C-alpha cells in the first residue's frame, strides 16, 4: 500500500505530491483525485514525486485511467499541468502514460530531475 503527502507550495503555485511504497490502482485513484481537488481549489499545477514509489498496475489500466477517473476528465483537468518525477528504471512506463494523457487532452510530462519539472511547470 502506498503512502502519500500532499503539500501546497503557494509561492511556486503548485501542489506537490510525494508518494512512497507500492502503488495500487486504488491508491492511484485516491491520490490523483485528492491532489487534483487540492490543485483546483487553489488554481495550481501539480508536481508528483514518484521516485520512492513502485506500481503493480498493468499498463492496460494506465491506458484507461484518463477515460475512467472523473478527476482527469473535463475542462478543469485540462487546465492543470502535471509533472511527474520518476527514476530511470520506471521512465518507460510513465512515458507510455505521458502519451496516453496527452492524447486525452491533459498536460502531463515525465521528468528525472526536479529542477527541470519545476521549470516546465513555471512556463504558462
N, C-alpha and C. Protein backbone atom coordinates (compact mmCIF):
# COMPACT_ATOMS: atom_id res chain seq x y z
N UNK A 1 0.84 -1.18 0.00
CA UNK A 1 0.00 0.00 0.00
C UNK A 1 0.89 1.25 0.00
N UNK A 2 0.54 2.19 -0.83
CA UNK A 2 1.30 3.42 -0.95
C UNK A 2 0.90 4.41 0.15
N UNK A 3 1.87 5.22 0.50
CA UNK A 3 1.62 6.36 1.38
C UNK A 3 1.87 7.61 0.56
N UNK A 4 1.17 8.68 0.91
CA UNK A 4 1.38 9.92 0.15
C UNK A 4 1.17 11.13 1.04
N UNK A 5 1.77 12.23 0.60
CA UNK A 5 1.64 13.50 1.29
C UNK A 5 1.39 14.57 0.24
N UNK A 6 0.39 15.38 0.47
CA UNK A 6 0.08 16.50 -0.43
C UNK A 6 0.47 17.79 0.27
N UNK A 7 1.26 18.59 -0.42
CA UNK A 7 1.74 19.86 0.13
C UNK A 7 1.45 20.98 -0.87
N UNK A 8 0.83 22.04 -0.40
CA UNK A 8 0.58 23.21 -1.24
C UNK A 8 1.78 24.14 -1.12
N UNK A 9 2.42 24.42 -2.26
CA UNK A 9 3.53 25.36 -2.32
C UNK A 9 3.01 26.64 -2.95
N UNK A 10 2.45 27.51 -2.12
CA UNK A 10 1.79 28.71 -2.62
C UNK A 10 2.74 29.60 -3.42
N UNK A 11 3.98 29.74 -2.95
CA UNK A 11 4.94 30.59 -3.65
C UNK A 11 5.26 30.10 -5.05
N UNK A 12 5.24 28.80 -5.23
CA UNK A 12 5.54 28.20 -6.54
C UNK A 12 4.27 27.94 -7.35
N UNK A 13 3.11 28.21 -6.76
CA UNK A 13 1.82 27.98 -7.41
C UNK A 13 1.65 26.53 -7.85
N UNK A 14 1.98 25.62 -6.94
CA UNK A 14 1.81 24.22 -7.28
C UNK A 14 1.46 23.39 -6.06
N UNK A 15 0.91 22.23 -6.35
CA UNK A 15 0.61 21.23 -5.34
C UNK A 15 1.62 20.11 -5.56
N UNK A 16 2.42 19.83 -4.53
CA UNK A 16 3.45 18.79 -4.60
C UNK A 16 2.93 17.54 -3.90
N UNK A 17 3.05 16.42 -4.58
CA UNK A 17 2.56 15.15 -4.05
C UNK A 17 3.72 14.17 -4.00
N UNK A 18 4.04 13.71 -2.81
CA UNK A 18 5.12 12.74 -2.63
C UNK A 18 4.51 11.38 -2.32
N UNK A 19 4.86 10.38 -3.13
CA UNK A 19 4.30 9.05 -2.99
C UNK A 19 5.43 8.06 -2.70
N UNK A 20 5.19 7.18 -1.72
CA UNK A 20 6.17 6.15 -1.38
C UNK A 20 5.46 4.79 -1.28
N UNK A 21 6.23 3.73 -1.47
CA UNK A 21 5.68 2.39 -1.31
C UNK A 21 5.10 1.83 -2.60
N UNK A 22 4.35 0.76 -2.46
CA UNK A 22 3.74 0.08 -3.60
C UNK A 22 2.40 0.71 -3.94
N UNK A 23 2.30 1.26 -5.11
CA UNK A 23 1.11 1.97 -5.57
C UNK A 23 0.18 1.00 -6.31
N UNK A 24 -1.03 0.84 -5.79
CA UNK A 24 -2.04 0.02 -6.45
C UNK A 24 -2.96 0.92 -7.28
N UNK A 25 -3.81 0.32 -8.07
CA UNK A 25 -4.78 1.07 -8.87
C UNK A 25 -5.66 1.91 -7.95
N UNK A 26 -6.12 1.32 -6.86
CA UNK A 26 -7.00 2.03 -5.92
C UNK A 26 -6.27 3.20 -5.26
N UNK A 27 -5.00 2.97 -4.87
CA UNK A 27 -4.20 4.06 -4.30
C UNK A 27 -4.08 5.21 -5.30
N UNK A 28 -3.77 4.86 -6.54
CA UNK A 28 -3.61 5.88 -7.58
C UNK A 28 -4.86 6.71 -7.76
N UNK A 29 -6.01 6.06 -7.77
CA UNK A 29 -7.27 6.79 -7.91
C UNK A 29 -7.46 7.80 -6.79
N UNK A 30 -7.19 7.37 -5.57
CA UNK A 30 -7.35 8.25 -4.40
C UNK A 30 -6.35 9.41 -4.46
N UNK A 31 -5.11 9.11 -4.76
CA UNK A 31 -4.06 10.13 -4.79
C UNK A 31 -4.33 11.16 -5.89
N UNK A 32 -4.67 10.69 -7.07
CA UNK A 32 -4.95 11.61 -8.18
C UNK A 32 -6.16 12.48 -7.87
N UNK A 33 -7.23 11.88 -7.38
CA UNK A 33 -8.43 12.64 -7.07
C UNK A 33 -8.17 13.67 -5.97
N UNK A 34 -7.51 13.26 -4.90
CA UNK A 34 -7.23 14.18 -3.78
C UNK A 34 -6.33 15.32 -4.22
N UNK A 35 -5.28 15.01 -4.95
CA UNK A 35 -4.34 16.05 -5.34
C UNK A 35 -4.93 17.00 -6.37
N UNK A 36 -5.71 16.48 -7.30
CA UNK A 36 -6.33 17.35 -8.30
C UNK A 36 -7.42 18.21 -7.69
N UNK A 37 -8.11 17.71 -6.68
CA UNK A 37 -9.09 18.53 -5.96
C UNK A 37 -8.38 19.70 -5.28
N UNK A 38 -7.27 19.41 -4.64
CA UNK A 38 -6.49 20.46 -3.96
C UNK A 38 -5.95 21.47 -4.98
N UNK A 39 -5.42 20.99 -6.09
CA UNK A 39 -4.89 21.89 -7.12
C UNK A 39 -5.98 22.78 -7.69
N UNK A 40 -7.14 22.23 -7.93
CA UNK A 40 -8.25 23.02 -8.47
C UNK A 40 -8.71 24.08 -7.49
N UNK A 41 -8.71 23.72 -6.21
CA UNK A 41 -9.12 24.67 -5.17
C UNK A 41 -8.25 25.93 -5.19
N UNK A 42 -6.96 25.75 -5.49
CA UNK A 42 -6.01 26.87 -5.48
C UNK A 42 -5.71 27.42 -6.88
N UNK A 43 -6.11 26.70 -7.90
CA UNK A 43 -5.76 27.11 -9.26
C UNK A 43 -4.31 26.83 -9.59
N UNK A 44 -3.73 25.79 -8.97
CA UNK A 44 -2.32 25.46 -9.14
C UNK A 44 -2.13 24.23 -10.01
N UNK A 45 -0.88 24.07 -10.49
CA UNK A 45 -0.49 22.86 -11.21
C UNK A 45 0.03 21.83 -10.21
N UNK A 46 0.45 20.66 -10.73
CA UNK A 46 0.81 19.55 -9.86
C UNK A 46 2.22 19.02 -10.15
N UNK A 47 2.91 18.67 -9.08
CA UNK A 47 4.20 18.00 -9.17
C UNK A 47 4.12 16.72 -8.35
N UNK A 48 4.15 15.58 -9.04
CA UNK A 48 4.11 14.28 -8.38
C UNK A 48 5.52 13.73 -8.28
N UNK A 49 5.96 13.41 -7.07
CA UNK A 49 7.26 12.78 -6.88
C UNK A 49 7.04 11.30 -6.63
N UNK A 50 7.32 10.50 -7.64
CA UNK A 50 7.09 9.05 -7.60
C UNK A 50 8.41 8.28 -7.45
N UNK A 51 9.49 8.96 -7.16
CA UNK A 51 10.80 8.30 -7.15
C UNK A 51 10.96 7.23 -6.08
N UNK A 52 10.19 7.31 -5.01
CA UNK A 52 10.25 6.30 -3.95
C UNK A 52 9.02 5.39 -3.96
N UNK A 53 8.33 5.35 -5.09
CA UNK A 53 7.14 4.50 -5.24
C UNK A 53 7.36 3.51 -6.38
N UNK A 54 6.69 2.42 -6.27
CA UNK A 54 6.64 1.42 -7.35
C UNK A 54 5.18 1.07 -7.56
N UNK A 55 4.86 0.55 -8.74
CA UNK A 55 3.47 0.22 -9.01
C UNK A 55 3.35 -1.19 -9.59
N UNK A 56 2.24 -1.81 -9.29
CA UNK A 56 1.95 -3.12 -9.88
C UNK A 56 0.76 -3.01 -10.84
N UNK A 57 0.42 -1.80 -11.23
CA UNK A 57 -0.72 -1.57 -12.12
C UNK A 57 -0.31 -1.91 -13.55
N UNK A 58 -1.03 -2.83 -14.21
CA UNK A 58 -0.71 -3.18 -15.60
C UNK A 58 -0.87 -1.97 -16.53
N UNK A 59 -0.05 -1.91 -17.57
CA UNK A 59 -0.10 -0.78 -18.50
C UNK A 59 -1.47 -0.62 -19.16
N UNK A 60 -2.17 -1.71 -19.34
CA UNK A 60 -3.51 -1.61 -19.91
C UNK A 60 -4.43 -0.74 -19.07
N UNK A 61 -4.27 -0.80 -17.76
CA UNK A 61 -5.05 0.04 -16.85
C UNK A 61 -4.66 1.51 -17.01
N UNK A 62 -3.39 1.77 -17.28
CA UNK A 62 -2.92 3.15 -17.45
C UNK A 62 -3.60 3.78 -18.66
N UNK A 63 -3.83 2.97 -19.69
CA UNK A 63 -4.48 3.48 -20.90
C UNK A 63 -5.88 4.02 -20.60
N UNK A 64 -6.61 3.34 -19.74
CA UNK A 64 -7.99 3.73 -19.46
C UNK A 64 -8.11 4.78 -18.36
N UNK A 65 -7.05 5.04 -17.65
CA UNK A 65 -7.12 5.95 -16.50
C UNK A 65 -7.74 7.31 -16.81
N UNK A 66 -7.28 8.06 -17.82
CA UNK A 66 -7.90 9.38 -18.07
C UNK A 66 -9.32 9.30 -18.62
N UNK A 67 -9.70 8.14 -19.07
CA UNK A 67 -11.06 7.96 -19.58
C UNK A 67 -12.00 7.47 -18.50
N UNK A 68 -11.43 6.91 -17.43
CA UNK A 68 -12.20 6.28 -16.36
C UNK A 68 -12.35 7.18 -15.13
N UNK A 69 -11.30 7.88 -14.75
CA UNK A 69 -11.29 8.63 -13.49
C UNK A 69 -11.84 10.04 -13.69
N UNK A 70 -12.89 10.38 -12.95
CA UNK A 70 -13.55 11.69 -13.11
C UNK A 70 -12.59 12.85 -12.91
N UNK A 71 -11.62 12.73 -12.02
CA UNK A 71 -10.68 13.82 -11.73
C UNK A 71 -9.82 14.17 -12.94
N UNK A 72 -9.77 13.28 -13.93
CA UNK A 72 -8.95 13.52 -15.13
C UNK A 72 -9.79 13.87 -16.35
N UNK A 73 -11.08 14.12 -16.14
CA UNK A 73 -11.98 14.44 -17.24
C UNK A 73 -12.38 15.91 -17.17
N UNK A 74 -12.71 16.47 -18.31
CA UNK A 74 -13.30 17.80 -18.37
C UNK A 74 -12.31 18.94 -18.44
N UNK A 75 -12.88 20.13 -18.52
CA UNK A 75 -12.10 21.35 -18.71
C UNK A 75 -11.16 21.64 -17.54
N UNK A 76 -11.62 21.39 -16.33
CA UNK A 76 -10.77 21.67 -15.15
C UNK A 76 -9.52 20.82 -15.17
N UNK A 77 -9.65 19.56 -15.50
CA UNK A 77 -8.48 18.67 -15.57
C UNK A 77 -7.52 19.13 -16.65
N UNK A 78 -8.05 19.59 -17.76
CA UNK A 78 -7.21 20.02 -18.87
C UNK A 78 -6.43 21.30 -18.55
N UNK A 79 -6.92 22.11 -17.61
CA UNK A 79 -6.25 23.35 -17.21
C UNK A 79 -4.98 23.12 -16.40
N UNK A 80 -4.91 22.01 -15.70
CA UNK A 80 -3.83 21.74 -14.74
C UNK A 80 -2.69 20.97 -15.37
N UNK A 81 -1.50 21.56 -15.35
CA UNK A 81 -0.32 20.84 -15.80
C UNK A 81 0.10 19.88 -14.68
N UNK A 82 0.60 18.72 -15.07
CA UNK A 82 1.10 17.76 -14.10
C UNK A 82 2.46 17.26 -14.55
N UNK A 83 3.46 17.45 -13.69
CA UNK A 83 4.80 16.93 -13.91
C UNK A 83 5.01 15.77 -12.95
N UNK A 84 5.66 14.72 -13.44
CA UNK A 84 5.89 13.54 -12.62
C UNK A 84 7.38 13.22 -12.60
N UNK A 85 7.91 13.12 -11.38
CA UNK A 85 9.31 12.74 -11.19
C UNK A 85 9.39 11.24 -10.99
N UNK A 86 10.25 10.58 -11.77
CA UNK A 86 10.41 9.13 -11.68
C UNK A 86 11.90 8.79 -11.73
N UNK A 87 12.20 7.53 -11.47
CA UNK A 87 13.57 7.04 -11.62
C UNK A 87 13.76 6.54 -13.05
N UNK A 88 15.01 6.37 -13.43
CA UNK A 88 15.32 5.86 -14.77
C UNK A 88 14.72 4.48 -14.99
N UNK A 89 14.62 3.68 -13.93
CA UNK A 89 14.05 2.33 -14.04
C UNK A 89 12.56 2.35 -14.38
N UNK A 90 11.87 3.41 -14.01
CA UNK A 90 10.42 3.48 -14.19
C UNK A 90 9.99 4.34 -15.37
N UNK A 91 10.93 5.00 -16.03
CA UNK A 91 10.56 6.03 -17.00
C UNK A 91 9.78 5.49 -18.20
N UNK A 92 10.07 4.30 -18.66
CA UNK A 92 9.40 3.78 -19.87
C UNK A 92 7.88 3.68 -19.66
N UNK A 93 7.46 3.14 -18.52
CA UNK A 93 6.02 3.03 -18.26
C UNK A 93 5.36 4.40 -18.14
N UNK A 94 6.04 5.32 -17.48
CA UNK A 94 5.47 6.66 -17.31
C UNK A 94 5.45 7.43 -18.63
N UNK A 95 6.42 7.19 -19.50
CA UNK A 95 6.41 7.81 -20.83
C UNK A 95 5.21 7.29 -21.64
N UNK A 96 4.88 6.02 -21.48
CA UNK A 96 3.67 5.48 -22.11
C UNK A 96 2.46 6.27 -21.63
N UNK A 97 2.36 6.46 -20.32
CA UNK A 97 1.21 7.19 -19.78
C UNK A 97 1.24 8.66 -20.22
N UNK A 98 2.42 9.24 -20.38
CA UNK A 98 2.53 10.61 -20.87
C UNK A 98 1.81 10.74 -22.22
N UNK A 99 2.05 9.79 -23.11
CA UNK A 99 1.36 9.80 -24.42
C UNK A 99 -0.15 9.61 -24.25
N UNK A 100 -0.54 8.68 -23.39
CA UNK A 100 -1.96 8.43 -23.14
C UNK A 100 -2.64 9.70 -22.62
N UNK A 101 -2.02 10.34 -21.64
CA UNK A 101 -2.59 11.55 -21.03
C UNK A 101 -2.71 12.68 -22.05
N UNK A 102 -1.67 12.89 -22.82
CA UNK A 102 -1.71 13.95 -23.83
C UNK A 102 -2.80 13.68 -24.87
N UNK A 103 -2.93 12.43 -25.28
CA UNK A 103 -3.98 12.09 -26.24
C UNK A 103 -5.37 12.31 -25.66
N UNK A 104 -5.49 12.30 -24.34
CA UNK A 104 -6.77 12.55 -23.67
C UNK A 104 -6.96 14.04 -23.36
N UNK A 105 -6.03 14.88 -23.81
CA UNK A 105 -6.17 16.33 -23.62
C UNK A 105 -5.56 16.87 -22.35
N UNK A 106 -4.75 16.07 -21.66
CA UNK A 106 -4.12 16.52 -20.42
C UNK A 106 -2.70 17.01 -20.68
N UNK A 107 -2.28 17.98 -19.90
CA UNK A 107 -0.91 18.50 -19.96
C UNK A 107 -0.10 17.75 -18.92
N UNK A 108 0.70 16.79 -19.36
CA UNK A 108 1.37 15.84 -18.48
C UNK A 108 2.75 15.57 -19.04
N UNK A 109 3.76 15.66 -18.18
CA UNK A 109 5.12 15.37 -18.65
C UNK A 109 5.92 14.68 -17.55
N UNK A 110 6.79 13.76 -17.97
CA UNK A 110 7.61 12.97 -17.07
C UNK A 110 9.03 13.52 -17.04
N UNK A 111 9.62 13.54 -15.85
CA UNK A 111 10.98 14.06 -15.67
C UNK A 111 11.79 13.17 -14.74
N UNK A 112 13.10 13.23 -14.91
CA UNK A 112 14.02 12.57 -13.99
C UNK A 112 14.55 13.56 -12.95
N UNK A 113 14.58 14.85 -13.31
CA UNK A 113 15.15 15.88 -12.44
C UNK A 113 14.08 16.87 -12.00
N UNK A 114 14.06 17.17 -10.70
CA UNK A 114 13.05 18.07 -10.17
C UNK A 114 13.18 19.49 -10.71
N UNK A 115 14.40 19.97 -10.90
CA UNK A 115 14.58 21.33 -11.41
C UNK A 115 13.96 21.48 -12.80
N UNK A 116 14.11 20.47 -13.64
CA UNK A 116 13.51 20.51 -14.98
C UNK A 116 11.99 20.48 -14.91
N UNK A 117 11.46 19.68 -14.01
CA UNK A 117 10.00 19.61 -13.84
C UNK A 117 9.45 20.96 -13.38
N UNK A 118 10.12 21.56 -12.40
CA UNK A 118 9.66 22.86 -11.91
C UNK A 118 9.75 23.94 -12.99
N UNK A 119 10.78 23.89 -13.79
CA UNK A 119 10.93 24.86 -14.88
C UNK A 119 9.80 24.71 -15.90
N UNK A 120 9.46 23.48 -16.22
CA UNK A 120 8.35 23.22 -17.16
C UNK A 120 7.02 23.71 -16.57
N UNK A 121 6.80 23.46 -15.29
CA UNK A 121 5.56 23.90 -14.63
C UNK A 121 5.47 25.42 -14.57
N UNK A 122 6.60 26.09 -14.48
CA UNK A 122 6.61 27.55 -14.34
C UNK A 122 6.25 28.28 -15.63
N UNK A 123 6.35 27.59 -16.76
CA UNK A 123 6.03 28.20 -18.06
C UNK A 123 4.53 28.07 -18.29
N UNK A 124 3.89 29.20 -18.60
CA UNK A 124 2.44 29.20 -18.84
C UNK A 124 2.08 28.57 -20.14
